[in-house]
PDB file of all heavy atoms in Angstrom:
ATOM      1  N   GLN A   1      -2.830   9.206   8.242  1.00  0.00           N
ATOM      2  CA  GLN A   1      -3.322   8.097   7.457  1.00  0.00           C
ATOM      3  C   GLN A   1      -2.235   7.694   6.406  1.00  0.00           C
ATOM      4  O   GLN A   1      -1.681   8.604   5.834  1.00  0.00           O
ATOM      5  CB  GLN A   1      -4.590   8.507   6.712  1.00  0.00           C
ATOM      6  CG  GLN A   1      -5.702   9.000   7.628  1.00  0.00           C
ATOM      7  CD  GLN A   1      -6.817   9.595   6.832  1.00  0.00           C
ATOM      8  OE1 GLN A   1      -6.586  10.219   5.775  1.00  0.00           O
ATOM      9  NE2 GLN A   1      -8.017   9.378   7.301  1.00  0.00           N
ATOM     10  N   PRO A   2      -1.997   6.442   6.252  1.00  0.00           N
ATOM     11  CA  PRO A   2      -0.936   6.035   5.341  1.00  0.00           C
ATOM     12  C   PRO A   2      -1.232   6.384   3.875  1.00  0.00           C
ATOM     13  O   PRO A   2      -2.359   6.162   3.411  1.00  0.00           O
ATOM     14  CB  PRO A   2      -0.840   4.493   5.543  1.00  0.00           C
ATOM     15  CG  PRO A   2      -2.161   4.108   6.126  1.00  0.00           C
ATOM     16  CD  PRO A   2      -2.669   5.287   6.879  1.00  0.00           C
ATOM     17  N   GLY A   3      -0.278   6.948   3.223  1.00  0.00           N
ATOM     18  CA  GLY A   3      -0.413   7.274   1.803  1.00  0.00           C
ATOM     19  C   GLY A   3       0.314   8.522   1.427  1.00  0.00           C
ATOM     20  O   GLY A   3       1.283   8.924   2.039  1.00  0.00           O
ATOM     21  N   THR A   4      -0.187   9.215   0.412  1.00  0.00           N
ATOM     22  CA  THR A   4       0.336  10.458  -0.082  1.00  0.00           C
ATOM     23  C   THR A   4      -0.642  11.585   0.320  1.00  0.00           C
ATOM     24  O   THR A   4      -1.765  11.548   0.006  1.00  0.00           O
ATOM     25  CB  THR A   4       0.509  10.441  -1.575  1.00  0.00           C
ATOM     26  OG1 THR A   4       1.386   9.359  -1.930  1.00  0.00           O
ATOM     27  CG2 THR A   4       1.074  11.747  -2.102  1.00  0.00           C
ATOM     28  N   GLU A   5      -0.132  12.632   1.024  1.00  0.00           N
ATOM     29  CA  GLU A   5      -0.944  13.730   1.400  1.00  0.00           C
ATOM     30  C   GLU A   5      -0.926  14.804   0.279  1.00  0.00           C
ATOM     31  O   GLU A   5       0.117  15.312  -0.078  1.00  0.00           O
ATOM     32  CB  GLU A   5      -0.402  14.368   2.682  1.00  0.00           C
ATOM     33  CG  GLU A   5      -1.249  15.465   3.246  1.00  0.00           C
ATOM     34  CD  GLU A   5      -0.713  15.986   4.529  1.00  0.00           C
ATOM     35  OE1 GLU A   5      -0.368  15.183   5.407  1.00  0.00           O
ATOM     36  OE2 GLU A   5      -0.625  17.222   4.687  1.00  0.00           O
ATOM     37  N   CYS A   6      -2.096  15.141  -0.207  1.00  0.00           N
ATOM     38  CA  CYS A   6      -2.212  16.148  -1.265  1.00  0.00           C
ATOM     39  C   CYS A   6      -2.944  17.357  -0.735  1.00  0.00           C
ATOM     40  O   CYS A   6      -3.946  17.217  -0.035  1.00  0.00           O
ATOM     41  CB  CYS A   6      -3.024  15.515  -2.461  1.00  0.00           C
ATOM     42  SG  CYS A   6      -2.326  14.035  -3.135  1.00  0.00           S
ATOM     43  N   THR A   7      -2.418  18.528  -1.048  1.00  0.00           N
ATOM     44  CA  THR A   7      -3.003  19.767  -0.586  1.00  0.00           C
ATOM     45  C   THR A   7      -3.214  20.723  -1.709  1.00  0.00           C
ATOM     46  O   THR A   7      -2.397  20.809  -2.599  1.00  0.00           O
ATOM     47  CB  THR A   7      -2.076  20.465   0.493  1.00  0.00           C
ATOM     48  OG1 THR A   7      -1.819  19.485   1.498  1.00  0.00           O
ATOM     49  CG2 THR A   7      -2.712  21.656   1.075  1.00  0.00           C
ATOM     50  N   GLY A   8      -4.356  21.462  -1.714  1.00  0.00           N
ATOM     51  CA  GLY A   8      -4.597  22.429  -2.778  1.00  0.00           C
ATOM     52  C   GLY A   8      -5.953  23.029  -2.656  1.00  0.00           C
ATOM     53  O   GLY A   8      -6.725  22.731  -1.772  1.00  0.00           O
ATOM     54  N   GLY A   9      -6.207  23.994  -3.536  1.00  0.00           N
ATOM     55  CA  GLY A   9      -7.520  24.617  -3.665  1.00  0.00           C
ATOM     56  C   GLY A   9      -7.676  25.825  -2.771  1.00  0.00           C
ATOM     57  O   GLY A   9      -6.841  26.152  -1.982  1.00  0.00           O
ATOM     58  N   GLU A  10      -8.716  26.537  -2.982  1.00  0.00           N
ATOM     59  CA  GLU A  10      -9.102  27.676  -2.138  1.00  0.00           C
ATOM     60  C   GLU A  10     -10.585  27.549  -1.751  1.00  0.00           C
ATOM     61  O   GLU A  10     -11.419  27.542  -2.657  1.00  0.00           O
ATOM     62  CB  GLU A  10      -8.926  28.990  -2.919  1.00  0.00           C
ATOM     63  CG  GLU A  10      -7.526  29.456  -3.031  1.00  0.00           C
ATOM     64  CD  GLU A  10      -6.875  29.812  -1.649  1.00  0.00           C
ATOM     65  OE1 GLU A  10      -7.619  30.264  -0.797  1.00  0.00           O
ATOM     66  OE2 GLU A  10      -5.675  29.563  -1.528  1.00  0.00           O
ATOM     67  N   PRO A  11     -10.943  27.342  -0.574  1.00  0.00           N
ATOM     68  CA  PRO A  11     -10.031  27.262   0.591  1.00  0.00           C
ATOM     69  C   PRO A  11      -9.191  25.964   0.566  1.00  0.00           C
ATOM     70  O   PRO A  11      -9.612  25.012  -0.092  1.00  0.00           O
ATOM     71  CB  PRO A  11     -10.976  27.233   1.807  1.00  0.00           C
ATOM     72  CG  PRO A  11     -12.267  26.658   1.268  1.00  0.00           C
ATOM     73  CD  PRO A  11     -12.324  27.158  -0.174  1.00  0.00           C
ATOM     74  N   GLN A  12      -8.055  26.022   1.157  1.00  0.00           N
ATOM     75  CA  GLN A  12      -7.124  24.898   1.105  1.00  0.00           C
ATOM     76  C   GLN A  12      -7.734  23.660   1.716  1.00  0.00           C
ATOM     77  O   GLN A  12      -8.223  23.699   2.861  1.00  0.00           O
ATOM     78  CB  GLN A  12      -5.819  25.297   1.773  1.00  0.00           C
ATOM     79  CG  GLN A  12      -4.758  24.248   1.543  1.00  0.00           C
ATOM     80  CD  GLN A  12      -3.408  24.784   1.989  1.00  0.00           C
ATOM     81  OE1 GLN A  12      -3.266  25.891   2.448  1.00  0.00           O
ATOM     82  NE2 GLN A  12      -2.386  23.974   1.875  1.00  0.00           N
ATOM     83  N   ILE A  13      -7.654  22.529   0.993  1.00  0.00           N
ATOM     84  CA  ILE A  13      -8.119  21.281   1.504  1.00  0.00           C
ATOM     85  C   ILE A  13      -6.931  20.273   1.396  1.00  0.00           C
ATOM     86  O   ILE A  13      -6.058  20.393   0.574  1.00  0.00           O
ATOM     87  CB  ILE A  13      -9.355  20.691   0.761  1.00  0.00           C
ATOM     88  CG1 ILE A  13      -9.063  20.614  -0.745  1.00  0.00           C
ATOM     89  CG2 ILE A  13     -10.540  21.557   0.986  1.00  0.00           C
ATOM     90  CD1 ILE A  13     -10.170  19.892  -1.511  1.00  0.00           C
ATOM     91  N   THR A  14      -6.985  19.263   2.298  1.00  0.00           N
ATOM     92  CA  THR A  14      -5.944  18.254   2.308  1.00  0.00           C
ATOM     93  C   THR A  14      -6.618  16.891   2.285  1.00  0.00           C
ATOM     94  O   THR A  14      -7.570  16.651   3.039  1.00  0.00           O
ATOM     95  CB  THR A  14      -5.054  18.389   3.636  1.00  0.00           C
ATOM     96  OG1 THR A  14      -4.468  19.669   3.602  1.00  0.00           O
ATOM     97  CG2 THR A  14      -4.026  17.319   3.625  1.00  0.00           C
ATOM     98  N   GLU A  15      -6.110  16.026   1.494  1.00  0.00           N
ATOM     99  CA  GLU A  15      -6.644  14.667   1.400  1.00  0.00           C
ATOM    100  C   GLU A  15      -5.472  13.692   1.290  1.00  0.00           C
ATOM    101  O   GLU A  15      -4.434  14.040   0.746  1.00  0.00           O
ATOM    102  CB  GLU A  15      -7.550  14.544   0.143  1.00  0.00           C
ATOM    103  CG  GLU A  15      -8.394  13.347   0.105  1.00  0.00           C
ATOM    104  CD  GLU A  15      -9.499  13.391   1.169  1.00  0.00           C
ATOM    105  OE1 GLU A  15     -10.128  14.394   1.357  1.00  0.00           O
ATOM    106  OE2 GLU A  15      -9.745  12.307   1.721  1.00  0.00           O
ATOM    107  N   VAL A  16      -5.653  12.480   1.784  1.00  0.00           N
ATOM    108  CA  VAL A  16      -4.637  11.442   1.758  1.00  0.00           C
ATOM    109  C   VAL A  16      -5.095  10.334   0.855  1.00  0.00           C
ATOM    110  O   VAL A  16      -6.171   9.820   0.949  1.00  0.00           O
ATOM    111  CB  VAL A  16      -4.299  10.900   3.140  1.00  0.00           C
ATOM    112  CG1 VAL A  16      -3.281   9.816   3.064  1.00  0.00           C
ATOM    113  CG2 VAL A  16      -3.794  12.002   4.044  1.00  0.00           C
ATOM    114  N   TYR A  17      -4.226   9.948  -0.122  1.00  0.00           N
ATOM    115  CA  TYR A  17      -4.537   8.891  -1.076  1.00  0.00           C
ATOM    116  C   TYR A  17      -3.445   7.858  -1.014  1.00  0.00           C
ATOM    117  O   TYR A  17      -2.270   8.156  -0.869  1.00  0.00           O
ATOM    118  CB  TYR A  17      -4.565   9.448  -2.520  1.00  0.00           C
ATOM    119  CG  TYR A  17      -5.647  10.414  -2.745  1.00  0.00           C
ATOM    120  CD1 TYR A  17      -5.403  11.787  -2.674  1.00  0.00           C
ATOM    121  CD2 TYR A  17      -6.941  10.024  -3.015  1.00  0.00           C
ATOM    122  CE1 TYR A  17      -6.417  12.714  -2.825  1.00  0.00           C
ATOM    123  CE2 TYR A  17      -7.964  10.963  -3.202  1.00  0.00           C
ATOM    124  CZ  TYR A  17      -7.676  12.290  -3.121  1.00  0.00           C
ATOM    125  OH  TYR A  17      -8.682  13.219  -3.340  1.00  0.00           O
ATOM    126  N   LEU A  18      -3.847   6.551  -1.051  1.00  0.00           N
ATOM    127  CA  LEU A  18      -2.858   5.506  -1.075  1.00  0.00           C
ATOM    128  C   LEU A  18      -2.554   5.151  -2.508  1.00  0.00           C
ATOM    129  O   LEU A  18      -3.497   4.908  -3.288  1.00  0.00           O
ATOM    130  CB  LEU A  18      -3.420   4.293  -0.321  1.00  0.00           C
ATOM    131  CG  LEU A  18      -2.490   3.060  -0.208  1.00  0.00           C
ATOM    132  CD1 LEU A  18      -1.233   3.452   0.585  1.00  0.00           C
ATOM    133  CD2 LEU A  18      -3.176   1.903   0.444  1.00  0.00           C
ATOM    134  N   ASN A  19      -1.292   5.086  -2.871  1.00  0.00           N
ATOM    135  CA  ASN A  19      -0.896   4.721  -4.216  1.00  0.00           C
ATOM    136  C   ASN A  19      -1.330   3.262  -4.424  1.00  0.00           C
ATOM    137  O   ASN A  19      -0.797   2.378  -3.741  1.00  0.00           O
ATOM    138  CB  ASN A  19       0.629   4.893  -4.401  1.00  0.00           C
ATOM    139  CG  ASN A  19       1.062   4.717  -5.847  1.00  0.00           C
ATOM    140  OD1 ASN A  19       0.429   4.018  -6.632  1.00  0.00           O
ATOM    141  ND2 ASN A  19       2.148   5.363  -6.169  1.00  0.00           N
ATOM    142  N   THR A  20      -2.190   2.974  -5.368  1.00  0.00           N
ATOM    143  CA  THR A  20      -2.720   1.642  -5.589  1.00  0.00           C
ATOM    144  C   THR A  20      -1.641   0.652  -6.002  1.00  0.00           C
ATOM    145  O   THR A  20      -1.801  -0.554  -5.741  1.00  0.00           O
ATOM    146  CB  THR A  20      -3.872   1.652  -6.607  1.00  0.00           C
ATOM    147  OG1 THR A  20      -3.428   2.252  -7.784  1.00  0.00           O
ATOM    148  CG2 THR A  20      -5.068   2.408  -6.021  1.00  0.00           C
ATOM    149  N   THR A  21      -0.577   1.128  -6.598  1.00  0.00           N
ATOM    150  CA  THR A  21       0.526   0.220  -6.990  1.00  0.00           C
ATOM    151  C   THR A  21       1.167  -0.421  -5.776  1.00  0.00           C
ATOM    152  O   THR A  21       1.599  -1.588  -5.809  1.00  0.00           O
ATOM    153  CB  THR A  21       1.568   0.975  -7.780  1.00  0.00           C
ATOM    154  OG1 THR A  21       0.980   1.676  -8.854  1.00  0.00           O
ATOM    155  CG2 THR A  21       2.610   0.018  -8.339  1.00  0.00           C
ATOM    156  N   PHE A  22       1.176   0.315  -4.670  1.00  0.00           N
ATOM    157  CA  PHE A  22       1.703  -0.181  -3.425  1.00  0.00           C
ATOM    158  C   PHE A  22       1.081  -1.467  -2.923  1.00  0.00           C
ATOM    159  O   PHE A  22       1.699  -2.332  -2.299  1.00  0.00           O
ATOM    160  CB  PHE A  22       1.718   0.904  -2.323  1.00  0.00           C
ATOM    161  CG  PHE A  22       2.014   0.356  -0.975  1.00  0.00           C
ATOM    162  CD1 PHE A  22       3.288  -0.091  -0.650  1.00  0.00           C
ATOM    163  CD2 PHE A  22       1.031   0.233   0.007  1.00  0.00           C
ATOM    164  CE1 PHE A  22       3.571  -0.605   0.615  1.00  0.00           C
ATOM    165  CE2 PHE A  22       1.328  -0.301   1.209  1.00  0.00           C
ATOM    166  CZ  PHE A  22       2.576  -0.723   1.529  1.00  0.00           C
ATOM    167  N   VAL A  23      -0.226  -1.593  -3.147  1.00  0.00           N
ATOM    168  CA  VAL A  23      -0.987  -2.759  -2.662  1.00  0.00           C
ATOM    169  C   VAL A  23      -0.412  -4.063  -3.266  1.00  0.00           C
ATOM    170  O   VAL A  23      -0.459  -5.123  -2.589  1.00  0.00           O
ATOM    171  CB  VAL A  23      -2.455  -2.616  -3.011  1.00  0.00           C
ATOM    172  CG1 VAL A  23      -3.268  -3.811  -2.596  1.00  0.00           C
ATOM    173  CG2 VAL A  23      -2.995  -1.336  -2.359  1.00  0.00           C
ATOM    174  N   VAL A  24       0.219  -4.021  -4.440  1.00  0.00           N
ATOM    175  CA  VAL A  24       0.724  -5.218  -5.065  1.00  0.00           C
ATOM    176  C   VAL A  24       1.895  -5.730  -4.274  1.00  0.00           C
ATOM    177  O   VAL A  24       2.057  -6.965  -4.111  1.00  0.00           O
ATOM    178  CB  VAL A  24       1.219  -4.888  -6.513  1.00  0.00           C
ATOM    179  CG1 VAL A  24       1.948  -6.007  -7.138  1.00  0.00           C
ATOM    180  CG2 VAL A  24      -0.007  -4.485  -7.310  1.00  0.00           C
ATOM    181  N   VAL A  25       2.761  -4.883  -3.685  1.00  0.00           N
ATOM    182  CA  VAL A  25       3.980  -5.324  -3.022  1.00  0.00           C
ATOM    183  C   VAL A  25       3.631  -6.166  -1.765  1.00  0.00           C
ATOM    184  O   VAL A  25       4.156  -7.257  -1.605  1.00  0.00           O
ATOM    185  CB  VAL A  25       4.850  -4.173  -2.645  1.00  0.00           C
ATOM    186  CG1 VAL A  25       6.063  -4.595  -1.823  1.00  0.00           C
ATOM    187  CG2 VAL A  25       5.333  -3.484  -3.967  1.00  0.00           C
ATOM    188  N   PRO A  26       2.732  -5.712  -0.849  1.00  0.00           N
ATOM    189  CA  PRO A  26       2.409  -6.598   0.273  1.00  0.00           C
ATOM    190  C   PRO A  26       1.781  -7.914  -0.165  1.00  0.00           C
ATOM    191  O   PRO A  26       1.983  -8.932   0.514  1.00  0.00           O
ATOM    192  CB  PRO A  26       1.421  -5.802   1.100  1.00  0.00           C
ATOM    193  CG  PRO A  26       1.733  -4.374   0.754  1.00  0.00           C
ATOM    194  CD  PRO A  26       2.150  -4.421  -0.665  1.00  0.00           C
ATOM    195  N   ALA A  27       1.004  -7.874  -1.202  1.00  0.00           N
ATOM    196  CA  ALA A  27       0.425  -9.163  -1.698  1.00  0.00           C
ATOM    197  C   ALA A  27       1.530 -10.125  -2.144  1.00  0.00           C
ATOM    198  O   ALA A  27       1.441 -11.347  -1.891  1.00  0.00           O
ATOM    199  CB  ALA A  27      -0.511  -8.856  -2.875  1.00  0.00           C
ATOM    200  N   ILE A  28       2.549  -9.620  -2.845  1.00  0.00           N
ATOM    201  CA  ILE A  28       3.679 -10.458  -3.215  1.00  0.00           C
ATOM    202  C   ILE A  28       4.430 -10.977  -1.991  1.00  0.00           C
ATOM    203  O   ILE A  28       4.800 -12.143  -1.942  1.00  0.00           O
ATOM    204  CB  ILE A  28       4.593  -9.704  -4.162  1.00  0.00           C
ATOM    205  CG1 ILE A  28       3.937  -9.444  -5.520  1.00  0.00           C
ATOM    206  CG2 ILE A  28       5.966 -10.437  -4.370  1.00  0.00           C
ATOM    207  CD1 ILE A  28       4.669  -8.484  -6.434  1.00  0.00           C
ATOM    208  N   VAL A  29       4.617 -10.102  -1.001  1.00  0.00           N
ATOM    209  CA  VAL A  29       5.296 -10.490   0.204  1.00  0.00           C
ATOM    210  C   VAL A  29       4.540 -11.622   0.916  1.00  0.00           C
ATOM    211  O   VAL A  29       5.146 -12.585   1.360  1.00  0.00           O
ATOM    212  CB  VAL A  29       5.481  -9.265   1.162  1.00  0.00           C
ATOM    213  CG1 VAL A  29       5.910  -9.692   2.536  1.00  0.00           C
ATOM    214  CG2 VAL A  29       6.473  -8.316   0.529  1.00  0.00           C
ATOM    215  N   VAL A  30       3.238 -11.482   1.070  1.00  0.00           N
ATOM    216  CA  VAL A  30       2.416 -12.512   1.696  1.00  0.00           C
ATOM    217  C   VAL A  30       2.520 -13.861   0.903  1.00  0.00           C
ATOM    218  O   VAL A  30       2.681 -14.918   1.444  1.00  0.00           O
ATOM    219  CB  VAL A  30       0.952 -12.088   1.826  1.00  0.00           C
ATOM    220  CG1 VAL A  30       0.045 -13.246   2.225  1.00  0.00           C
ATOM    221  CG2 VAL A  30       0.837 -10.952   2.861  1.00  0.00           C
ATOM    222  N   PHE A  31       2.446 -13.696  -0.439  1.00  0.00           N
ATOM    223  CA  PHE A  31       2.550 -14.939  -1.305  1.00  0.00           C
ATOM    224  C   PHE A  31       3.891 -15.618  -1.042  1.00  0.00           C
ATOM    225  O   PHE A  31       4.000 -16.827  -0.926  1.00  0.00           O
ATOM    226  CB  PHE A  31       2.404 -14.563  -2.740  1.00  0.00           C
ATOM    227  CG  PHE A  31       2.652 -15.699  -3.700  1.00  0.00           C
ATOM    228  CD1 PHE A  31       1.725 -16.682  -3.881  1.00  0.00           C
ATOM    229  CD2 PHE A  31       3.864 -15.770  -4.382  1.00  0.00           C
ATOM    230  CE1 PHE A  31       1.979 -17.756  -4.734  1.00  0.00           C
ATOM    231  CE2 PHE A  31       4.114 -16.829  -5.188  1.00  0.00           C
ATOM    232  CZ  PHE A  31       3.190 -17.842  -5.379  1.00  0.00           C
ATOM    233  N   LEU A  32       5.002 -14.863  -1.042  1.00  0.00           N
ATOM    234  CA  LEU A  32       6.327 -15.453  -0.809  1.00  0.00           C
ATOM    235  C   LEU A  32       6.448 -16.070   0.549  1.00  0.00           C
ATOM    236  O   LEU A  32       7.024 -17.149   0.694  1.00  0.00           O
ATOM    237  CB  LEU A  32       7.431 -14.375  -1.017  1.00  0.00           C
ATOM    238  CG  LEU A  32       7.639 -13.855  -2.413  1.00  0.00           C
ATOM    239  CD1 LEU A  32       8.681 -12.717  -2.410  1.00  0.00           C
ATOM    240  CD2 LEU A  32       8.088 -14.963  -3.315  1.00  0.00           C
ATOM    241  N   ALA A  33       5.877 -15.439   1.556  1.00  0.00           N
ATOM    242  CA  ALA A  33       5.945 -16.005   2.885  1.00  0.00           C
ATOM    243  C   ALA A  33       5.153 -17.341   2.949  1.00  0.00           C
ATOM    244  O   ALA A  33       5.610 -18.298   3.525  1.00  0.00           O
ATOM    245  CB  ALA A  33       5.387 -15.021   3.919  1.00  0.00           C
ATOM    246  N   LEU A  34       3.965 -17.352   2.366  1.00  0.00           N
ATOM    247  CA  LEU A  34       3.177 -18.575   2.356  1.00  0.00           C
ATOM    248  C   LEU A  34       3.852 -19.656   1.502  1.00  0.00           C
ATOM    249  O   LEU A  34       3.786 -20.852   1.885  1.00  0.00           O
ATOM    250  CB  LEU A  34       1.771 -18.318   1.793  1.00  0.00           C
ATOM    251  CG  LEU A  34       0.863 -17.477   2.732  1.00  0.00           C
ATOM    252  CD1 LEU A  34      -0.436 -17.114   2.043  1.00  0.00           C
ATOM    253  CD2 LEU A  34       0.610 -18.258   3.992  1.00  0.00           C
ATOM    254  N   ALA A  35       4.464 -19.300   0.368  1.00  0.00           N
ATOM    255  CA  ALA A  35       5.146 -20.277  -0.433  1.00  0.00           C
ATOM    256  C   ALA A  35       6.343 -20.875   0.283  1.00  0.00           C
ATOM    257  O   ALA A  35       6.572 -22.126   0.248  1.00  0.00           O
ATOM    258  CB  ALA A  35       5.603 -19.639  -1.754  1.00  0.00           C
ATOM    259  N   THR A  36       7.094 -20.054   1.035  1.00  0.00           N
ATOM    260  CA  THR A  36       8.197 -20.532   1.797  1.00  0.00           C
ATOM    261  C   THR A  36       7.739 -21.507   2.870  1.00  0.00           C
ATOM    262  O   THR A  36       8.332 -22.582   3.089  1.00  0.00           O
ATOM    263  CB  THR A  36       8.957 -19.344   2.457  1.00  0.00           C
ATOM    264  OG1 THR A  36       9.381 -18.467   1.439  1.00  0.00           O
ATOM    265  CG2 THR A  36      10.136 -19.816   3.299  1.00  0.00           C
ATOM    266  N   TRP A  37       6.638 -21.156   3.557  1.00  0.00           N
ATOM    267  CA  TRP A  37       6.057 -22.025   4.554  1.00  0.00           C
ATOM    268  C   TRP A  37       5.615 -23.352   3.985  1.00  0.00           C
ATOM    269  O   TRP A  37       5.870 -24.415   4.556  1.00  0.00           O
ATOM    270  CB  TRP A  37       4.928 -21.304   5.258  1.00  0.00           C
ATOM    271  CG  TRP A  37       4.193 -22.176   6.196  1.00  0.00           C
ATOM    272  CD1 TRP A  37       4.539 -22.541   7.453  1.00  0.00           C
ATOM    273  CD2 TRP A  37       2.895 -22.830   5.964  1.00  0.00           C
ATOM    274  NE1 TRP A  37       3.592 -23.345   8.008  1.00  0.00           N
ATOM    275  CE2 TRP A  37       2.624 -23.527   7.092  1.00  0.00           C
ATOM    276  CE3 TRP A  37       2.023 -22.853   4.837  1.00  0.00           C
ATOM    277  CZ2 TRP A  37       1.403 -24.327   7.239  1.00  0.00           C
ATOM    278  CZ3 TRP A  37       0.895 -23.567   4.993  1.00  0.00           C
ATOM    279  CH2 TRP A  37       0.577 -24.336   6.131  1.00  0.00           C
ATOM    280  N   ALA A  38       4.963 -23.305   2.838  1.00  0.00           N
ATOM    281  CA  ALA A  38       4.479 -24.541   2.189  1.00  0.00           C
ATOM    282  C   ALA A  38       5.590 -25.425   1.754  1.00  0.00           C
ATOM    283  O   ALA A  38       5.535 -26.681   1.899  1.00  0.00           O
ATOM    284  CB  ALA A  38       3.591 -24.185   0.984  1.00  0.00           C
ATOM    285  N   ILE A  39       6.685 -24.876   1.234  1.00  0.00           N
ATOM    286  CA  ILE A  39       7.843 -25.669   0.824  1.00  0.00           C
ATOM    287  C   ILE A  39       8.487 -26.299   1.999  1.00  0.00           C
ATOM    288  O   ILE A  39       8.809 -27.531   1.988  1.00  0.00           O
ATOM    289  CB  ILE A  39       8.831 -24.764   0.065  1.00  0.00           C
ATOM    290  CG1 ILE A  39       8.278 -24.391  -1.312  1.00  0.00           C
ATOM    291  CG2 ILE A  39      10.187 -25.522  -0.105  1.00  0.00           C
ATOM    292  CD1 ILE A  39       9.028 -23.324  -2.038  1.00  0.00           C
ATOM    293  N   ARG A  40       8.626 -25.578   3.109  1.00  0.00           N
ATOM    294  CA  ARG A  40       9.220 -26.188   4.328  1.00  0.00           C
ATOM    295  C   ARG A  40       8.337 -27.265   4.860  1.00  0.00           C
ATOM    296  O   ARG A  40       8.815 -28.292   5.334  1.00  0.00           O
ATOM    297  CB  ARG A  40       9.430 -25.068   5.413  1.00  0.00           C
ATOM    298  CG  ARG A  40      10.561 -24.185   5.037  1.00  0.00           C
ATOM    299  CD  ARG A  40      10.790 -23.174   6.118  1.00  0.00           C
ATOM    300  NE  ARG A  40      11.884 -22.266   5.761  1.00  0.00           N
ATOM    301  CZ  ARG A  40      12.225 -21.181   6.442  1.00  0.00           C
ATOM    302  NH1 ARG A  40      11.558 -20.882   7.554  1.00  0.00           N
ATOM    303  NH2 ARG A  40      13.198 -20.465   6.073  1.00  0.00           N
ATOM    304  N   LEU A  41       7.022 -27.068   4.825  1.00  0.00           N
ATOM    305  CA  LEU A  41       6.112 -28.113   5.321  1.00  0.00           C
ATOM    306  C   LEU A  41       6.143 -29.329   4.429  1.00  0.00           C
ATOM    307  O   LEU A  41       6.077 -30.465   4.914  1.00  0.00           O
ATOM    308  CB  LEU A  41       4.655 -27.512   5.357  1.00  0.00           C
ATOM    309  CG  LEU A  41       3.621 -28.454   5.966  1.00  0.00           C
ATOM    310  CD1 LEU A  41       3.891 -28.695   7.414  1.00  0.00           C
ATOM    311  CD2 LEU A  41       2.224 -27.804   5.787  1.00  0.00           C
TER     312      LEU A  41
END
């Protein structure tokens, strides 16, 4: 699963978390792609 794998505890457990800051970057990428398309159009 995409994200950061965290392990710890007794018994040992593993969980994957997505860094919420990362979500901003694809949003910016989509915005730039749409803006480029709109300017060309």
